[in-house]
């Protein structure tokens, strides 16, 4: 499986809303997209997530659940 570094940049004022949704609904990952670990920046402006999948198209389904609060960048890892 391919690993990806996902950088989530929280839209201004949305940090609490992101974590409220997460607490209520979880990560909202489609089957086949696996969360491995994450780190939030000290200023709470971004989250770095390590994820894994054989089907990068699944990121599109996941983004739909969060794109009202977060902007995303994806980088495949060696």
Protein backbone atom coordinates (compact mmCIF):
# COMPACT_ATOMS: atom_id res chain seq x y z
CA UNK A 1 0.00 0.00 0.00
CA UNK A 2 1.16 3.52 -0.82
CA UNK A 3 1.63 5.96 2.07
CA UNK A 4 0.68 9.63 1.78
CA UNK A 5 1.39 12.71 3.83
CA UNK A 6 -1.78 14.76 4.00
CA UNK A 7 -1.58 18.38 5.08
CA UNK A 8 -4.88 19.75 6.28
CA UNK A 9 -4.95 23.52 6.62
CA UNK A 10 -7.87 24.59 8.78
CA UNK A 11 -9.87 27.48 7.39
CA UNK A 12 -9.85 30.56 9.66
CA UNK A 13 -11.94 29.98 12.77
CA UNK A 14 -12.70 26.33 11.89
CA UNK A 15 -10.41 24.40 14.26
CA UNK A 16 -13.13 23.83 16.88
CA UNK A 17 -15.70 22.90 14.21
CA UNK A 18 -13.31 20.29 12.78
CA UNK A 19 -12.81 18.65 16.14
CA UNK A 20 -16.52 18.84 17.01
CA UNK A 21 -17.35 16.97 13.78
CA UNK A 22 -14.56 14.47 14.44
CA UNK A 23 -15.88 13.79 17.96
CA UNK A 24 -19.42 13.30 16.64
CA UNK A 25 -18.74 11.40 13.39
CA UNK A 26 -15.15 10.14 13.46
CA UNK A 27 -12.70 10.53 10.58
CA UNK A 28 -15.33 9.71 7.93
CA UNK A 29 -12.85 7.61 5.96
CA UNK A 30 -14.15 5.47 3.10
CA UNK A 31 -13.27 1.77 3.17
CA UNK A 32 -9.79 1.31 1.75
CA UNK A 33 -8.34 4.58 3.09
CA UNK A 34 -6.39 3.94 6.27
CA UNK A 35 -5.35 6.52 8.88
CA UNK A 36 -1.93 5.81 10.43
CA UNK A 37 -1.01 8.84 12.58
CA UNK A 38 -1.34 12.63 12.83
CA UNK A 39 0.17 15.74 14.36
CA UNK A 40 -1.44 19.17 14.87
CA UNK A 41 0.71 22.30 14.65
CA UNK A 42 1.25 24.27 17.87
CA UNK A 43 -0.79 27.19 16.52
CA UNK A 44 -3.67 24.84 15.55
CA UNK A 45 -3.64 26.03 11.96
CA UNK A 46 -2.86 22.67 10.34
CA UNK A 47 -2.77 18.93 10.83
CA UNK A 48 -0.27 16.54 9.24
CA UNK A 49 -1.70 13.07 8.69
CA UNK A 50 0.02 9.91 7.57
CA UNK A 51 -2.40 7.77 5.55
CA UNK A 52 -2.27 4.68 3.37
CA UNK A 53 -4.26 3.38 0.41
CA UNK A 54 -4.00 1.43 -2.83
CA UNK A 55 -6.67 3.67 -4.35
CA UNK A 56 -5.83 7.39 -4.15
CA UNK A 57 -9.23 8.21 -5.69
CA UNK A 58 -10.67 7.49 -2.22
CA UNK A 59 -9.20 10.79 -1.04
CA UNK A 60 -11.89 12.54 -3.11
CA UNK A 61 -14.67 10.85 -1.12
CA UNK A 62 -12.98 11.76 2.16
CA UNK A 63 -12.41 15.39 1.14
CA UNK A 64 -16.14 15.85 0.44
CA UNK A 65 -16.84 15.28 4.15
CA UNK A 66 -14.40 17.99 5.25
CA UNK A 67 -13.86 20.54 2.47
CA UNK A 68 -16.21 23.06 4.05
CA UNK A 69 -13.72 23.39 6.96
CA UNK A 70 -10.32 22.30 5.64
CA UNK A 71 -8.05 22.71 2.59
CA UNK A 72 -5.97 19.65 1.63
CA UNK A 73 -2.57 18.84 0.13
CA UNK A 74 -1.41 15.27 -0.62
CA UNK A 75 2.09 13.96 -1.18
CA UNK A 76 2.89 10.31 -1.97
CA UNK A 77 5.80 9.02 0.12
CA UNK A 78 8.63 6.74 -0.97
